[in-house]
Amino acid sequence: MNATYIVYSDGACSGNPGPGGWAWVSLADGEIREGYGGEKVTTNNRMELLAAIEGLEAIRARVESGNLKQGLVEVRTDSQYVKNGVTSWIASWKRNGWRTASKTPVKNKDLWERLDTLSTQLAARWTWVEGHSGEAWNERCDELARRGVAENR
């Protein structure tokens, strides 16, 4: 049976655009790891995307180094934008030359391409979780993402 790795991710922004933060928590092989960061001027959507990207990159690095076996990866995010984008909208965007249904360029294309590559490489599954609902690891991500905002004011 394959191992299952869970990555929680969250982004935050003070103003949109404004200082922002991203964070992830991974539960893999009995270990809890976390990471966070931020940017001085960004948007909430960019931080949500970066949170998922950074969390998946951390899992991929551990698999490639041999510290984790290949396994099932589930990303839990409170961002409908990220979850719907990666599981539904991205196929159309790619077919349409990275344009939306209204023919405008897809925002954050650079991050969507990175997320698509990682999600495909790891065969990630995506689950939406309700934000600020008391789910411990989602709350921890929120706390870390807000720390990222504070450090980038």
N, C-alpha and C. Protein backbone atom coordinates (compact mmCIF):
# COMPACT_ATOMS: atom_id res chain seq x y z
N MET A 1 0.84 -1.19 0.00
CA MET A 1 0.00 0.00 0.00
C MET A 1 0.89 1.25 0.00
N ASN A 2 0.52 2.21 -0.83
CA ASN A 2 1.28 3.45 -0.91
C ASN A 2 1.03 4.33 0.31
N ALA A 3 2.06 5.06 0.67
CA ALA A 3 1.93 6.05 1.74
C ALA A 3 1.12 7.23 1.22
N THR A 4 0.45 7.91 2.13
CA THR A 4 -0.28 9.12 1.77
C THR A 4 0.36 10.29 2.50
N TYR A 5 0.66 11.33 1.74
CA TYR A 5 1.24 12.55 2.29
C TYR A 5 0.21 13.66 2.15
N ILE A 6 0.05 14.43 3.20
CA ILE A 6 -0.94 15.51 3.18
C ILE A 6 -0.20 16.83 3.29
N VAL A 7 -0.56 17.76 2.43
CA VAL A 7 0.00 19.11 2.45
C VAL A 7 -1.15 20.08 2.63
N TYR A 8 -1.10 20.88 3.69
CA TYR A 8 -2.03 21.99 3.88
C TYR A 8 -1.35 23.24 3.35
N SER A 9 -2.11 24.14 2.75
CA SER A 9 -1.52 25.38 2.25
C SER A 9 -2.48 26.54 2.48
N ASP A 10 -1.89 27.73 2.66
CA ASP A 10 -2.71 28.92 2.85
C ASP A 10 -1.89 30.15 2.49
N GLY A 11 -2.57 31.16 2.00
CA GLY A 11 -1.95 32.44 1.68
C GLY A 11 -2.72 33.55 2.36
N ALA A 12 -2.05 34.69 2.53
CA ALA A 12 -2.68 35.85 3.17
C ALA A 12 -2.08 37.11 2.57
N CYS A 13 -2.84 38.18 2.63
CA CYS A 13 -2.37 39.45 2.10
C CYS A 13 -3.01 40.57 2.91
N SER A 14 -2.24 41.64 3.15
CA SER A 14 -2.76 42.82 3.83
C SER A 14 -2.86 43.91 2.78
N GLY A 15 -4.07 44.10 2.25
CA GLY A 15 -4.25 44.90 1.05
C GLY A 15 -4.12 43.96 -0.13
N ASN A 16 -4.66 44.34 -1.25
CA ASN A 16 -4.63 43.45 -2.41
C ASN A 16 -4.48 44.28 -3.68
N PRO A 17 -3.27 44.71 -4.05
CA PRO A 17 -1.99 44.21 -3.58
C PRO A 17 -1.53 44.86 -2.28
N GLY A 18 -0.55 44.18 -1.68
CA GLY A 18 0.04 44.63 -0.44
C GLY A 18 1.03 43.59 0.02
N PRO A 19 1.53 43.71 1.25
CA PRO A 19 2.43 42.68 1.77
C PRO A 19 1.66 41.36 1.94
N GLY A 20 2.31 40.27 1.56
CA GLY A 20 1.62 38.98 1.62
C GLY A 20 2.49 37.89 2.21
N GLY A 21 1.82 36.80 2.59
CA GLY A 21 2.51 35.65 3.14
C GLY A 21 1.89 34.36 2.64
N TRP A 22 2.70 33.33 2.59
CA TRP A 22 2.24 31.99 2.21
C TRP A 22 2.78 31.00 3.23
N ALA A 23 2.11 29.86 3.35
CA ALA A 23 2.55 28.84 4.30
C ALA A 23 2.03 27.48 3.90
N TRP A 24 2.77 26.46 4.34
CA TRP A 24 2.35 25.07 4.16
C TRP A 24 2.75 24.26 5.38
N VAL A 25 2.01 23.19 5.59
CA VAL A 25 2.34 22.19 6.61
C VAL A 25 2.21 20.84 5.93
N SER A 26 3.22 19.99 6.06
CA SER A 26 3.12 18.64 5.48
C SER A 26 3.12 17.60 6.58
N LEU A 27 2.34 16.58 6.36
CA LEU A 27 2.26 15.42 7.24
C LEU A 27 2.70 14.23 6.39
N ALA A 28 3.93 13.75 6.64
CA ALA A 28 4.48 12.69 5.79
C ALA A 28 5.42 11.82 6.61
N ASP A 29 5.21 10.52 6.53
CA ASP A 29 6.06 9.55 7.22
C ASP A 29 6.18 9.84 8.71
N GLY A 30 5.09 10.24 9.33
CA GLY A 30 5.09 10.50 10.76
C GLY A 30 5.75 11.81 11.16
N GLU A 31 6.17 12.60 10.18
CA GLU A 31 6.81 13.88 10.46
C GLU A 31 5.90 15.03 10.07
N ILE A 32 5.95 16.07 10.85
CA ILE A 32 5.24 17.31 10.54
C ILE A 32 6.30 18.34 10.19
N ARG A 33 6.21 18.87 8.99
CA ARG A 33 7.14 19.91 8.56
C ARG A 33 6.32 21.11 8.11
N GLU A 34 6.93 22.28 8.18
CA GLU A 34 6.21 23.48 7.76
C GLU A 34 7.18 24.47 7.15
N GLY A 35 6.62 25.35 6.36
CA GLY A 35 7.40 26.41 5.75
C GLY A 35 6.51 27.61 5.51
N TYR A 36 7.15 28.76 5.46
CA TYR A 36 6.39 29.97 5.16
C TYR A 36 7.34 31.02 4.59
N GLY A 37 6.75 32.03 3.99
CA GLY A 37 7.51 33.14 3.43
C GLY A 37 6.56 34.23 3.02
N GLY A 38 7.04 35.17 2.27
CA GLY A 38 6.17 36.25 1.85
C GLY A 38 6.86 37.19 0.89
N GLU A 39 6.12 38.20 0.49
CA GLU A 39 6.60 39.21 -0.45
C GLU A 39 6.09 40.57 0.00
N LYS A 40 6.85 41.59 -0.34
CA LYS A 40 6.50 42.96 0.06
C LYS A 40 5.25 43.47 -0.65
N VAL A 41 5.13 43.20 -1.94
CA VAL A 41 3.98 43.66 -2.71
C VAL A 41 3.49 42.49 -3.56
N THR A 42 2.30 42.03 -3.26
CA THR A 42 1.77 40.85 -3.95
C THR A 42 0.25 40.85 -3.84
N THR A 43 -0.37 39.76 -4.26
CA THR A 43 -1.82 39.61 -4.12
C THR A 43 -2.14 38.34 -3.34
N ASN A 44 -3.34 38.28 -2.83
CA ASN A 44 -3.78 37.11 -2.09
C ASN A 44 -3.71 35.85 -2.97
N ASN A 45 -4.16 35.97 -4.23
CA ASN A 45 -4.15 34.80 -5.10
C ASN A 45 -2.74 34.28 -5.35
N ARG A 46 -1.78 35.18 -5.52
CA ARG A 46 -0.39 34.74 -5.71
C ARG A 46 0.11 34.02 -4.46
N MET A 47 -0.26 34.50 -3.30
CA MET A 47 0.20 33.86 -2.06
C MET A 47 -0.45 32.49 -1.89
N GLU A 48 -1.73 32.35 -2.26
CA GLU A 48 -2.39 31.04 -2.19
C GLU A 48 -1.69 30.05 -3.13
N LEU A 49 -1.35 30.49 -4.32
CA LEU A 49 -0.66 29.63 -5.28
C LEU A 49 0.73 29.26 -4.78
N LEU A 50 1.48 30.24 -4.29
CA LEU A 50 2.83 29.96 -3.80
C LEU A 50 2.82 29.00 -2.62
N ALA A 51 1.83 29.09 -1.78
CA ALA A 51 1.73 28.19 -0.63
C ALA A 51 1.65 26.73 -1.11
N ALA A 52 0.79 26.48 -2.08
CA ALA A 52 0.65 25.12 -2.61
C ALA A 52 1.92 24.68 -3.33
N ILE A 53 2.50 25.58 -4.11
CA ILE A 53 3.73 25.26 -4.85
C ILE A 53 4.85 24.90 -3.87
N GLU A 54 5.07 25.73 -2.88
CA GLU A 54 6.16 25.50 -1.94
C GLU A 54 5.96 24.19 -1.16
N GLY A 55 4.71 23.91 -0.77
CA GLY A 55 4.43 22.66 -0.07
C GLY A 55 4.70 21.44 -0.93
N LEU A 56 4.27 21.50 -2.19
CA LEU A 56 4.52 20.38 -3.11
C LEU A 56 6.00 20.25 -3.44
N GLU A 57 6.70 21.38 -3.57
CA GLU A 57 8.14 21.30 -3.84
C GLU A 57 8.88 20.64 -2.67
N ALA A 58 8.43 20.90 -1.45
CA ALA A 58 9.06 20.28 -0.29
C ALA A 58 8.87 18.76 -0.32
N ILE A 59 7.69 18.30 -0.68
CA ILE A 59 7.44 16.85 -0.78
C ILE A 59 8.27 16.26 -1.92
N ARG A 60 8.26 16.94 -3.07
CA ARG A 60 9.02 16.42 -4.22
C ARG A 60 10.50 16.30 -3.89
N ALA A 61 11.06 17.30 -3.22
CA ALA A 61 12.48 17.26 -2.86
C ALA A 61 12.78 16.07 -1.96
N ARG A 62 11.89 15.77 -1.03
CA ARG A 62 12.11 14.64 -0.13
C ARG A 62 12.00 13.30 -0.88
N VAL A 63 11.09 13.23 -1.86
CA VAL A 63 10.96 12.01 -2.66
C VAL A 63 12.21 11.84 -3.52
N GLU A 64 12.64 12.92 -4.18
CA GLU A 64 13.80 12.82 -5.08
C GLU A 64 15.08 12.50 -4.33
N SER A 65 15.18 12.93 -3.08
CA SER A 65 16.39 12.64 -2.29
C SER A 65 16.36 11.24 -1.68
N GLY A 66 15.24 10.57 -1.81
CA GLY A 66 15.11 9.24 -1.26
C GLY A 66 14.65 9.22 0.19
N ASN A 67 14.37 10.39 0.76
CA ASN A 67 13.90 10.46 2.14
C ASN A 67 12.43 10.10 2.30
N LEU A 68 11.68 10.13 1.21
CA LEU A 68 10.29 9.67 1.20
C LEU A 68 10.11 8.75 0.01
N LYS A 69 9.31 7.71 0.18
CA LYS A 69 8.94 6.87 -0.95
C LYS A 69 7.88 7.62 -1.77
N GLN A 70 7.79 7.29 -3.05
CA GLN A 70 6.71 7.84 -3.86
C GLN A 70 5.40 7.45 -3.19
N GLY A 71 4.46 8.35 -3.09
CA GLY A 71 3.19 8.04 -2.43
C GLY A 71 2.09 8.91 -2.98
N LEU A 72 0.94 8.77 -2.38
CA LEU A 72 -0.19 9.60 -2.75
C LEU A 72 -0.06 10.94 -2.04
N VAL A 73 -0.28 12.02 -2.77
CA VAL A 73 -0.18 13.36 -2.21
C VAL A 73 -1.55 14.03 -2.29
N GLU A 74 -2.01 14.49 -1.14
CA GLU A 74 -3.27 15.22 -1.09
C GLU A 74 -2.97 16.63 -0.60
N VAL A 75 -3.40 17.62 -1.36
CA VAL A 75 -3.25 19.01 -0.96
C VAL A 75 -4.60 19.49 -0.44
N ARG A 76 -4.58 20.03 0.76
CA ARG A 76 -5.79 20.58 1.36
C ARG A 76 -5.64 22.10 1.43
N THR A 77 -6.51 22.78 0.74
CA THR A 77 -6.45 24.23 0.65
C THR A 77 -7.81 24.84 0.96
N ASP A 78 -7.80 26.04 1.53
CA ASP A 78 -9.07 26.74 1.75
C ASP A 78 -9.33 27.73 0.62
N SER A 79 -8.55 27.63 -0.46
CA SER A 79 -8.70 28.52 -1.61
C SER A 79 -9.45 27.81 -2.74
N GLN A 80 -10.68 28.25 -2.99
CA GLN A 80 -11.42 27.72 -4.14
C GLN A 80 -10.70 28.07 -5.44
N TYR A 81 -10.07 29.25 -5.46
CA TYR A 81 -9.31 29.69 -6.63
C TYR A 81 -8.24 28.65 -6.99
N VAL A 82 -7.47 28.22 -6.02
CA VAL A 82 -6.42 27.24 -6.28
C VAL A 82 -7.02 25.88 -6.63
N LYS A 83 -7.93 25.41 -5.81
CA LYS A 83 -8.50 24.07 -6.04
C LYS A 83 -9.21 23.99 -7.38
N ASN A 84 -10.08 24.94 -7.69
CA ASN A 84 -10.81 24.91 -8.97
C ASN A 84 -9.88 25.15 -10.15
N GLY A 85 -8.90 26.03 -9.95
CA GLY A 85 -7.97 26.32 -11.03
C GLY A 85 -7.19 25.09 -11.45
N VAL A 86 -6.64 24.37 -10.49
CA VAL A 86 -5.77 23.24 -10.80
C VAL A 86 -6.57 22.00 -11.21
N THR A 87 -7.79 21.85 -10.73
CA THR A 87 -8.56 20.65 -11.05
C THR A 87 -9.51 20.83 -12.23
N SER A 88 -9.81 22.07 -12.60
CA SER A 88 -10.81 22.29 -13.63
C SER A 88 -10.40 23.31 -14.69
N TRP A 89 -10.15 24.52 -14.27
CA TRP A 89 -9.95 25.62 -15.23
C TRP A 89 -8.69 25.48 -16.06
N ILE A 90 -7.63 24.92 -15.49
CA ILE A 90 -6.32 24.93 -16.14
C ILE A 90 -6.33 24.20 -17.48
N ALA A 91 -7.11 23.15 -17.61
CA ALA A 91 -7.17 22.41 -18.88
C ALA A 91 -7.66 23.33 -20.00
N SER A 92 -8.69 24.10 -19.72
CA SER A 92 -9.21 25.04 -20.72
C SER A 92 -8.22 26.15 -21.01
N TRP A 93 -7.59 26.67 -19.95
CA TRP A 93 -6.61 27.74 -20.15
C TRP A 93 -5.49 27.28 -21.08
N LYS A 94 -4.99 26.08 -20.87
CA LYS A 94 -3.90 25.58 -21.71
C LYS A 94 -4.38 25.38 -23.15
N ARG A 95 -5.58 24.83 -23.31
CA ARG A 95 -6.15 24.64 -24.64
C ARG A 95 -6.32 25.97 -25.36
N ASN A 96 -6.64 27.01 -24.60
CA ASN A 96 -6.92 28.34 -25.18
C ASN A 96 -5.70 29.25 -25.18
N GLY A 97 -4.50 28.67 -25.09
CA GLY A 97 -3.29 29.48 -25.12
C GLY A 97 -3.15 30.39 -23.91
N TRP A 98 -3.53 29.86 -22.74
CA TRP A 98 -3.47 30.60 -21.47
C TRP A 98 -4.34 31.85 -21.49
N ARG A 99 -5.53 31.66 -22.05
CA ARG A 99 -6.54 32.72 -22.03
C ARG A 99 -7.78 32.18 -21.34
N THR A 100 -8.49 33.08 -20.67
CA THR A 100 -9.71 32.71 -19.97
C THR A 100 -10.85 32.56 -20.97
N ALA A 101 -12.00 32.16 -20.49
CA ALA A 101 -13.19 32.04 -21.35
C ALA A 101 -13.54 33.39 -21.99
N SER A 102 -13.20 34.48 -21.32
CA SER A 102 -13.48 35.82 -21.87
C SER A 102 -12.32 36.34 -22.72
N LYS A 103 -11.38 35.44 -23.05
CA LYS A 103 -10.26 35.72 -23.95
C LYS A 103 -9.19 36.64 -23.36
N THR A 104 -9.22 36.88 -22.06
CA THR A 104 -8.18 37.68 -21.42
C THR A 104 -7.06 36.76 -20.94
N PRO A 105 -5.83 37.28 -20.86
CA PRO A 105 -4.73 36.44 -20.38
C PRO A 105 -4.98 35.96 -18.94
N VAL A 106 -4.62 34.73 -18.67
CA VAL A 106 -4.75 34.17 -17.33
C VAL A 106 -3.79 34.90 -16.40
N LYS A 107 -4.30 35.38 -15.28
CA LYS A 107 -3.46 36.02 -14.28
C LYS A 107 -2.65 34.94 -13.56
N ASN A 108 -1.44 35.29 -13.20
CA ASN A 108 -0.55 34.39 -12.44
C ASN A 108 -0.13 33.16 -13.23
N LYS A 109 -0.06 33.31 -14.55
CA LYS A 109 0.30 32.19 -15.41
C LYS A 109 1.60 31.52 -14.96
N ASP A 110 2.59 32.33 -14.55
CA ASP A 110 3.88 31.76 -14.13
C ASP A 110 3.70 30.77 -12.98
N LEU A 111 2.86 31.12 -12.04
CA LEU A 111 2.63 30.24 -10.89
C LEU A 111 1.74 29.06 -11.26
N TRP A 112 0.74 29.28 -12.10
CA TRP A 112 -0.12 28.18 -12.53
C TRP A 112 0.71 27.12 -13.27
N GLU A 113 1.66 27.55 -14.09
CA GLU A 113 2.49 26.57 -14.81
C GLU A 113 3.33 25.75 -13.83
N ARG A 114 3.91 26.40 -12.84
CA ARG A 114 4.69 25.67 -11.83
C ARG A 114 3.81 24.69 -11.06
N LEU A 115 2.62 25.16 -10.66
CA LEU A 115 1.71 24.31 -9.89
C LEU A 115 1.24 23.12 -10.73
N ASP A 116 0.95 23.37 -11.99
CA ASP A 116 0.50 22.29 -12.88
C ASP A 116 1.58 21.22 -13.01
N THR A 117 2.83 21.63 -13.19
CA THR A 117 3.93 20.68 -13.32
C THR A 117 4.07 19.83 -12.05
N LEU A 118 4.09 20.49 -10.90
CA LEU A 118 4.24 19.77 -9.64
C LEU A 118 3.06 18.84 -9.38
N SER A 119 1.86 19.34 -9.62
CA SER A 119 0.66 18.54 -9.38
C SER A 119 0.66 17.29 -10.25
N THR A 120 1.09 17.45 -11.50
CA THR A 120 1.14 16.32 -12.42
C THR A 120 2.24 15.34 -12.01
N GLN A 121 3.44 15.85 -11.69
CA GLN A 121 4.54 14.98 -11.29
C GLN A 121 4.20 14.14 -10.07
N LEU A 122 3.51 14.74 -9.12
CA LEU A 122 3.19 14.05 -7.87
C LEU A 122 1.80 13.40 -7.89
N ALA A 123 1.09 13.53 -9.01
CA ALA A 123 -0.29 13.01 -9.12
C ALA A 123 -1.12 13.46 -7.91
N ALA A 124 -1.00 14.74 -7.60
CA ALA A 124 -1.67 15.28 -6.40
C ALA A 124 -3.18 15.28 -6.55
N ARG A 125 -3.82 14.99 -5.43
CA ARG A 125 -5.28 15.14 -5.31
C ARG A 125 -5.52 16.44 -4.56
N TRP A 126 -6.63 17.08 -4.84
CA TRP A 126 -6.91 18.41 -4.27
C TRP A 126 -8.22 18.37 -3.49
N THR A 127 -8.17 18.89 -2.29
CA THR A 127 -9.35 18.92 -1.42
C THR A 127 -9.52 20.33 -0.89
N TRP A 128 -10.72 20.84 -0.97
CA TRP A 128 -11.02 22.15 -0.39
C TRP A 128 -11.43 21.92 1.06
N VAL A 129 -10.87 22.74 1.95
CA VAL A 129 -11.26 22.72 3.36
C VAL A 129 -11.76 24.12 3.71
N GLU A 130 -12.73 24.18 4.57
CA GLU A 130 -13.27 25.46 4.97
C GLU A 130 -12.26 26.19 5.86
N GLY A 131 -11.95 27.42 5.48
CA GLY A 131 -11.01 28.21 6.27
C GLY A 131 -11.63 28.67 7.57
N HIS A 132 -10.80 28.88 8.57
CA HIS A 132 -11.22 29.41 9.87
C HIS A 132 -12.35 28.60 10.50
N SER A 133 -12.27 27.28 10.31
CA SER A 133 -13.31 26.39 10.83
C SER A 133 -12.80 25.50 11.95
N GLY A 134 -11.57 25.75 12.40
CA GLY A 134 -11.05 24.97 13.51
C GLY A 134 -10.22 23.76 13.12
N GLU A 135 -10.02 23.52 11.82
CA GLU A 135 -9.16 22.41 11.41
C GLU A 135 -7.71 22.79 11.73
N ALA A 136 -7.09 22.04 12.61
CA ALA A 136 -5.82 22.43 13.23
C ALA A 136 -4.73 22.79 12.23
N TRP A 137 -4.49 21.98 11.22
CA TRP A 137 -3.37 22.25 10.31
C TRP A 137 -3.68 23.40 9.38
N ASN A 138 -4.94 23.59 9.02
CA ASN A 138 -5.31 24.77 8.24
C ASN A 138 -5.13 26.03 9.07
N GLU A 139 -5.47 25.95 10.34
CA GLU A 139 -5.29 27.11 11.24
C GLU A 139 -3.80 27.41 11.41
N ARG A 140 -2.97 26.37 11.48
CA ARG A 140 -1.53 26.58 11.60
C ARG A 140 -0.99 27.27 10.34
N CYS A 141 -1.45 26.85 9.18
CA CYS A 141 -1.03 27.50 7.94
C CYS A 141 -1.44 28.97 7.94
N ASP A 142 -2.64 29.24 8.39
CA ASP A 142 -3.11 30.63 8.44
C ASP A 142 -2.20 31.47 9.35
N GLU A 143 -1.85 30.90 10.49
CA GLU A 143 -0.97 31.60 11.44
C GLU A 143 0.40 31.88 10.80
N LEU A 144 0.96 30.89 10.12
CA LEU A 144 2.26 31.08 9.47
C LEU A 144 2.18 32.05 8.31
N ALA A 145 1.10 32.00 7.55
CA ALA A 145 0.94 32.93 6.42
C ALA A 145 0.84 34.37 6.94
N ARG A 146 0.13 34.56 8.03
CA ARG A 146 0.03 35.91 8.62
C ARG A 146 1.39 36.36 9.15
N ARG A 147 2.21 35.41 9.62
CA ARG A 147 3.57 35.75 10.02
C ARG A 147 4.36 36.24 8.80
N GLY A 148 4.17 35.58 7.68
CA GLY A 148 4.83 36.00 6.44
C GLY A 148 4.42 37.41 6.05
N VAL A 149 3.15 37.75 6.25
CA VAL A 149 2.69 39.12 5.96
C VAL A 149 3.41 40.09 6.89
N ALA A 150 3.38 39.79 8.19
CA ALA A 150 3.98 40.69 9.19
C ALA A 150 5.46 40.93 8.91
N GLU A 151 6.18 39.91 8.48
CA GLU A 151 7.61 40.05 8.21
C GLU A 151 7.90 40.81 6.93
N ASN A 152 6.87 41.05 6.11
CA ASN A 152 7.07 41.75 4.86
C ASN A 152 6.39 43.12 4.80
N ARG A 153 5.99 43.62 5.94
CA ARG A 153 5.39 44.97 6.01
C ARG A 153 6.46 46.02 5.83
